[in-house]
Structures are given as C-alpha cells and as structure tokens.
Amino acid sequence: MTWTFETQAVTKRLASFFSDPLEMASSVLMGFAAGLIWFLTSKREYNWLYLLVMACSLGSLVFSASRAAFGAFFLMIFFIALVFRLYKLIGAGFLALVAFGIYVVFFASEDFYFFVIDTLTFENTSSIGHVVEWLLALDSMIANPLGIGLAMSGNAGSVTDELRVGGENQFLIYGVQFGWIGMLLYMLVIASGVILSLRVFYGTDSTPKARIAFVGAATKVGLLLPLFTANAEMYTYVAWVSWWMIGFSVREYGRIQLSLSKPLDF
C-alpha cells in the first residue's frame, strides 16, 4: 500500500494506489455496482468472478474507513433494490445497519464507539470541519449569488489556501464559483443523467449498453453522500469513468428516441 492514513480512533485507513482513502472508497462503489450487474446478467458458470469483484469492493470499502462511503453504499443498495424491485434487499440492508449498531454498542472498542458517537453528534473534529466549510461557502453564496469565479473553492491544486472559500462539499464548491444558478445546473445534470440512464437500462435491447447505463446511474446515486463531504469531482478515475457512462447513456437515449420517432416502412 503506497498510502496509509489514520482515523481519529487511531485505526489504520488504507488508500491503495489512490491519493487518499476517500478516493478509493468512492471508486469501489462503482466496482461493486459493475460486479453486481455483470453477476445478474451473465451465465452462471462465470458468476464466481463477479462475486469476487463485489467481495473485493466491500473489503476495500472497509479498509478505507470512510464514513460517507459507508452511508453511500447503503444508499446505493437501496437504489439498486428499487431498480430491480428487490424489496427484500432493503430489509437486508436495514438488518445490516441494526447489526452494525449492536456491534458498536456492545462489542466495539471504546475508541471506535466514541468515534461513531462523535460522528453522529457532529462532535468529531472532521465533522465540525465539514460544517464550518459549508457555512463559509453558504455565506459566500449569499453575499455573491452569481459566484466569485473559478479557482476560488475546492481542493484543486489551482486553488490557493489564501483565496479558498469552502471546499468540503462539491455542490457548494460549484455554488461558490458559479453561484446559485451554477449549483442548481450541476444538480440538474446529475438528476437528468441518472433518470436518462435508467430509461436506457429499461428500454435498450443491448445487454452491454444496459450494463453501462446501470453502473453509471448507480455510481452517481452512490456518490451523492461523498459529494456532500468532499471535492469528489477531483477523484479522476471514478469521476471521468462515471461521467463517460452517463454521457454514453444520454447519447443512447437519443438514439432510442430517434428510432421510435421514425415512420414505419411498408
């Protein structure tokens, strides 16, 4: 492992070859979604390979120790259950949350117990830092509704610390730079991308295209929580690949609509 970090409970966080644990955690969400859809749409004799992909994704998620990614994983599971109408999966996710709560209360170490409690009550230093950055960003957006310009928020290398406003929320980062209109447009792009990807998933006759549309939609839904706590569009791998999937799905949706609008030849 090229990078090693620690939680405030003094437990190790791993990032593999990614720049930090948050990037790895966000990336494996896409890996889990890909493994799941390939598992559900492949021949049975090849299913073990995709089970291995999902198991490795879950293991990487645990090693990253990212709170936002853990919540995002359950959000993605809920979304997948709605897409496939697997309502028992929602129950399984709820039971997993209950089991985690029981583990924290009765079996976890004292450091991990207070780490979870401080996170939920926003007494954790990291959680407080998020809230402070959000408030600074909102204050800037109220004072400058049209934004204050590029390279004024976020954690990109082009943003200097002296000029940086906010930076712990991808939506607010765009709000600081582009104003309220820019932030709303970004939200609409994500929402429309997910909706059109789902329409392609349900409407296309091509299994590979349906797979791409599903992974793109599931990844964008899963990334919603990390977007609230980090400059997640900086995560090159997951951001570029997931947006490519969304763009591919939007183009495919246009083709489907065009084929439906053509007159029949007799």
Protein backbone atom coordinates (compact mmCIF):
# COMPACT_ATOMS: atom_id res chain seq x y z
CA MET A 1 0.00 0.00 0.00
CA THR A 2 1.51 3.29 -1.08
CA TRP A 3 -0.55 5.47 1.24
CA THR A 4 -1.53 4.89 4.88
CA PHE A 5 -3.74 7.16 6.97
CA GLU A 6 -5.38 7.01 10.39
CA THR A 7 -8.83 7.71 11.78
CA GLN A 8 -9.30 9.76 14.92
CA ALA A 9 -9.84 6.45 16.71
CA VAL A 10 -6.19 5.69 15.81
CA THR A 11 -7.12 2.88 13.43
CA LYS A 12 -5.42 2.44 10.10
CA ARG A 13 -7.01 3.66 6.85
CA LEU A 14 -5.70 2.36 3.56
CA ALA A 15 -5.86 4.01 0.15
CA SER A 16 -4.02 1.52 -2.11
CA PHE A 17 -2.69 3.44 -5.14
CA PHE A 18 -5.28 6.23 -4.79
CA SER A 19 -4.34 9.61 -3.38
CA ASP A 20 -6.44 9.18 -0.22
CA PRO A 21 -8.94 6.72 1.35
CA LEU A 22 -11.92 8.83 0.25
CA GLU A 23 -10.99 8.43 -3.41
CA MET A 24 -10.58 4.68 -3.05
CA ALA A 25 -13.90 4.36 -1.22
CA SER A 26 -15.73 6.33 -3.92
CA SER A 27 -14.11 4.28 -6.67
CA VAL A 28 -15.04 0.90 -5.20
CA LEU A 29 -18.70 1.92 -5.17
CA MET A 30 -18.52 1.80 -8.96
CA GLY A 31 -16.68 -1.53 -8.76
CA PHE A 32 -19.45 -3.03 -6.64
CA ALA A 33 -22.18 -1.77 -9.00
CA ALA A 34 -20.30 -3.18 -12.01
CA GLY A 35 -19.76 -6.54 -10.32
CA LEU A 36 -23.43 -6.75 -9.36
CA ILE A 37 -24.89 -6.02 -12.80
CA TRP A 38 -22.44 -8.37 -14.51
CA PHE A 39 -23.34 -11.04 -11.92
CA LEU A 40 -27.05 -10.61 -12.64
CA THR A 41 -26.68 -10.61 -16.44
CA SER A 42 -24.00 -13.28 -17.03
CA LYS A 43 -24.08 -17.03 -17.37
CA ARG A 44 -24.00 -18.94 -14.12
CA GLU A 45 -20.60 -20.56 -14.72
CA TYR A 46 -18.93 -17.11 -14.72
CA ASN A 47 -20.76 -15.71 -11.72
CA TRP A 48 -17.99 -16.53 -9.23
CA LEU A 49 -15.70 -13.95 -10.84
CA TYR A 50 -18.19 -11.12 -10.27
CA LEU A 51 -18.83 -12.28 -6.72
CA LEU A 52 -15.09 -11.91 -6.19
CA VAL A 53 -15.23 -8.36 -7.59
CA MET A 54 -18.04 -7.44 -5.18
CA ALA A 55 -16.21 -9.03 -2.24
CA CYS A 56 -13.02 -7.12 -3.06
CA SER A 57 -15.02 -3.90 -3.36
CA LEU A 58 -16.58 -4.43 0.07
CA GLY A 59 -13.17 -5.25 1.54
CA SER A 60 -11.66 -2.09 0.08
CA LEU A 61 -14.58 -0.10 1.47
CA VAL A 62 -13.87 -1.46 4.95
CA PHE A 63 -10.14 -0.77 4.69
CA SER A 64 -10.76 2.83 3.59
CA ALA A 65 -12.80 3.51 6.77
CA SER A 66 -14.77 6.27 5.04
CA ARG A 67 -17.98 7.19 6.88
CA ALA A 68 -19.52 8.92 3.87
CA ALA A 69 -18.76 5.94 1.63
CA PHE A 70 -20.33 3.52 4.11
CA GLY A 71 -23.53 5.56 4.08
CA ALA A 72 -23.28 5.87 0.30
CA PHE A 73 -23.02 2.10 -0.03
CA PHE A 74 -26.33 1.59 1.77
CA LEU A 75 -27.89 4.39 -0.30
CA MET A 76 -26.72 2.64 -3.46
CA ILE A 77 -28.10 -0.70 -2.23
CA PHE A 78 -31.46 0.97 -1.63
CA PHE A 79 -31.38 2.43 -5.15
CA ILE A 80 -30.48 -0.95 -6.68
CA ALA A 81 -33.29 -2.62 -4.75
CA LEU A 82 -35.77 -0.11 -6.17
CA VAL A 83 -34.44 -0.56 -9.73
CA PHE A 84 -34.78 -4.36 -9.59
CA ARG A 85 -37.77 -4.33 -7.23
CA LEU A 86 -35.78 -6.41 -4.74
CA TYR A 87 -37.57 -5.20 -1.66
CA LYS A 88 -36.06 -7.97 0.46
CA LEU A 89 -32.69 -6.35 -0.22
CA ILE A 90 -33.92 -3.21 1.55
CA GLY A 91 -34.78 -5.34 4.57
CA ALA A 92 -31.35 -6.96 4.43
CA GLY A 93 -29.72 -3.53 4.38
CA PHE A 94 -31.78 -2.45 7.38
CA LEU A 95 -30.76 -5.59 9.28
CA ALA A 96 -27.12 -4.89 8.42
CA LEU A 97 -27.47 -1.40 9.91
CA VAL A 98 -29.05 -2.87 13.05
CA ALA A 99 -26.23 -5.42 13.31
CA PHE A 100 -23.67 -2.63 12.97
CA GLY A 101 -25.40 -0.66 15.72
CA ILE A 102 -25.37 -3.69 18.01
CA TYR A 103 -21.67 -4.23 17.29
CA VAL A 104 -20.84 -0.60 18.08
CA VAL A 105 -22.82 -0.57 21.33
CA PHE A 106 -21.86 -3.96 22.76
CA PHE A 107 -18.69 -5.26 21.08
CA ALA A 108 -16.64 -2.39 19.61
CA SER A 109 -13.65 -0.88 21.35
CA GLU A 110 -14.18 2.25 23.41
CA ASP A 111 -12.25 4.38 20.90
CA PHE A 112 -14.38 3.16 17.98
CA TYR A 113 -17.60 3.59 19.99
CA PHE A 114 -16.87 7.25 20.74
CA PHE A 115 -15.65 7.75 17.17
CA VAL A 116 -19.09 6.70 15.87
CA ILE A 117 -20.98 8.68 18.52
CA ASP A 118 -18.95 11.84 17.90
CA THR A 119 -19.57 11.46 14.16
CA LEU A 120 -23.34 11.18 14.61
CA THR A 121 -23.47 14.12 17.02
CA PHE A 122 -21.09 16.27 14.90
CA GLU A 123 -18.62 16.47 17.79
CA ASN A 124 -15.93 14.79 15.71
CA THR A 125 -13.24 17.21 14.55
CA SER A 126 -13.66 16.15 10.93
CA SER A 127 -17.45 16.56 11.09
CA ILE A 128 -17.10 20.01 12.65
CA GLY A 129 -14.66 20.94 9.89
CA HIS A 130 -17.22 19.96 7.26
CA VAL A 131 -19.91 22.09 8.89
CA VAL A 132 -17.59 25.12 9.17
CA GLU A 133 -16.64 24.86 5.49
CA TRP A 134 -20.31 24.53 4.49
CA LEU A 135 -21.21 27.67 6.44
CA LEU A 136 -18.36 29.63 4.89
CA ALA A 137 -19.47 28.53 1.42
CA LEU A 138 -23.11 29.43 2.09
CA ASP A 139 -22.08 32.83 3.42
CA SER A 140 -20.13 33.48 0.22
CA MET A 141 -23.07 32.36 -1.93
CA ILE A 142 -25.46 34.66 -0.09
CA ALA A 143 -23.06 37.59 -0.48
CA ASN A 144 -22.28 36.73 -4.13
CA PRO A 145 -25.29 34.98 -5.71
CA LEU A 146 -23.59 34.84 -9.12
CA GLY A 147 -20.38 33.34 -7.75
CA ILE A 148 -16.89 34.68 -7.18
CA GLY A 149 -15.16 32.92 -10.07
CA LEU A 150 -13.16 29.82 -10.87
CA ALA A 151 -10.32 28.53 -8.66
CA MET A 152 -11.88 30.16 -5.58
CA SER A 153 -13.13 27.00 -3.86
CA GLY A 154 -12.34 23.31 -3.60
CA ASN A 155 -9.14 21.35 -3.11
CA ALA A 156 -7.69 21.51 -6.62
CA GLY A 157 -4.05 22.48 -7.00
CA SER A 158 -5.02 25.72 -8.73
CA VAL A 159 -6.87 26.94 -5.61
CA THR A 160 -4.56 28.70 -3.18
CA ASP A 161 -5.25 28.42 0.55
CA GLU A 162 -5.34 32.19 0.97
CA LEU A 163 -8.19 32.59 -1.54
CA ARG A 164 -10.07 29.33 -0.95
CA VAL A 165 -13.67 29.63 0.25
CA GLY A 166 -15.31 26.40 1.45
CA GLY A 167 -14.24 23.18 -0.19
CA GLU A 168 -15.85 20.31 1.73
CA ASN A 169 -18.99 19.98 -0.39
CA GLN A 170 -18.97 19.55 -4.16
CA PHE A 171 -22.35 21.26 -4.59
CA LEU A 172 -21.29 24.27 -2.53
CA ILE A 173 -17.93 24.42 -4.30
CA TYR A 174 -19.75 24.99 -7.59
CA GLY A 175 -22.12 27.36 -5.79
CA VAL A 176 -19.21 29.49 -4.57
CA GLN A 177 -17.60 29.57 -8.01
CA PHE A 178 -20.64 29.76 -10.32
CA GLY A 179 -23.35 31.00 -7.97
CA TRP A 180 -26.76 29.53 -7.20
CA ILE A 181 -27.58 29.01 -10.87
CA GLY A 182 -24.40 27.03 -11.45
CA MET A 183 -25.03 24.83 -8.42
CA LEU A 184 -28.62 24.13 -9.49
CA LEU A 185 -27.49 23.31 -13.03
CA TYR A 186 -24.96 20.83 -11.63
CA MET A 187 -27.72 19.16 -9.57
CA LEU A 188 -29.98 19.02 -12.63
CA VAL A 189 -27.21 17.45 -14.72
CA ILE A 190 -26.78 14.68 -12.14
CA ALA A 191 -30.53 14.11 -11.78
CA SER A 192 -31.21 14.08 -15.53
CA GLY A 193 -28.20 11.82 -16.12
CA VAL A 194 -29.49 9.26 -13.62
CA ILE A 195 -33.05 9.39 -14.99
CA LEU A 196 -32.00 9.03 -18.64
CA SER A 197 -29.58 6.23 -17.75
CA LEU A 198 -32.40 4.33 -16.09
CA ARG A 199 -34.60 4.83 -19.16
CA VAL A 200 -31.82 3.37 -21.31
CA PHE A 201 -31.43 0.48 -18.86
CA TYR A 202 -35.12 -0.37 -19.13
CA GLY A 203 -35.51 0.47 -22.82
CA THR A 204 -32.45 -0.87 -24.65
CA ASP A 205 -32.23 -4.35 -26.17
CA SER A 206 -28.44 -4.41 -25.82
CA THR A 207 -27.12 -6.04 -22.63
CA PRO A 208 -23.72 -4.24 -22.73
CA LYS A 209 -25.43 -0.86 -23.11
CA ALA A 210 -27.85 -1.68 -20.29
CA ARG A 211 -24.88 -2.58 -18.08
CA ILE A 212 -23.15 0.73 -18.76
CA ALA A 213 -26.34 2.69 -18.09
CA PHE A 214 -26.95 0.85 -14.82
CA VAL A 215 -23.41 1.30 -13.50
CA GLY A 216 -23.44 4.99 -14.42
CA ALA A 217 -26.76 5.62 -12.65
CA ALA A 218 -25.89 3.53 -9.57
CA THR A 219 -22.49 5.20 -9.22
CA LYS A 220 -23.91 8.72 -9.42
CA VAL A 221 -26.54 7.88 -6.80
CA GLY A 222 -23.91 6.24 -4.60
CA LEU A 223 -21.66 9.30 -4.85
CA LEU A 224 -24.32 11.68 -3.53
CA LEU A 225 -23.12 11.40 0.07
CA PRO A 226 -19.40 11.75 -0.76
CA LEU A 227 -20.31 14.83 -2.81
CA PHE A 228 -21.66 16.40 0.38
CA THR A 229 -18.42 15.88 2.29
CA ALA A 230 -15.62 16.20 -0.28
CA ASN A 231 -14.46 17.71 -3.55
CA ALA A 232 -15.37 14.37 -5.15
CA GLU A 233 -15.18 15.52 -8.78
CA MET A 234 -11.41 15.63 -8.25
CA TYR A 235 -11.35 11.82 -7.97
CA THR A 236 -10.14 11.31 -11.52
CA TYR A 237 -10.93 7.64 -12.06
CA VAL A 238 -14.46 7.45 -10.70
CA ALA A 239 -15.43 10.94 -11.92
CA TRP A 240 -14.23 10.51 -15.50
CA VAL A 241 -15.49 6.96 -15.95
CA SER A 242 -18.90 7.58 -14.36
CA TRP A 243 -19.45 10.76 -16.39
CA TRP A 244 -18.45 8.89 -19.54
CA MET A 245 -21.09 6.27 -18.69
CA ILE A 246 -23.70 8.98 -18.16
CA GLY A 247 -22.76 10.65 -21.46
CA PHE A 248 -22.89 7.33 -23.28
CA SER A 249 -26.33 6.65 -21.80
CA VAL A 250 -27.64 10.08 -22.79
CA ARG A 251 -26.46 9.52 -26.37
CA GLU A 252 -28.04 6.08 -26.41
CA TYR A 253 -31.29 7.53 -25.09
CA GLY A 254 -31.30 9.96 -28.02
CA ARG A 255 -30.85 7.06 -30.42
CA ILE A 256 -33.70 5.14 -28.83
CA GLN A 257 -35.98 8.16 -29.08
CA LEU A 258 -34.95 8.71 -32.70
CA SER A 259 -35.71 5.10 -33.63
CA LEU A 260 -39.13 5.36 -32.00
CA SER A 261 -39.96 8.54 -33.91
CA LYS A 262 -39.11 7.15 -37.36
CA PRO A 263 -42.11 6.30 -39.56
CA LEU A 264 -42.65 2.66 -40.41
CA ASP A 265 -41.67 1.46 -43.88
CA PHE A 266 -44.25 -0.61 -45.72
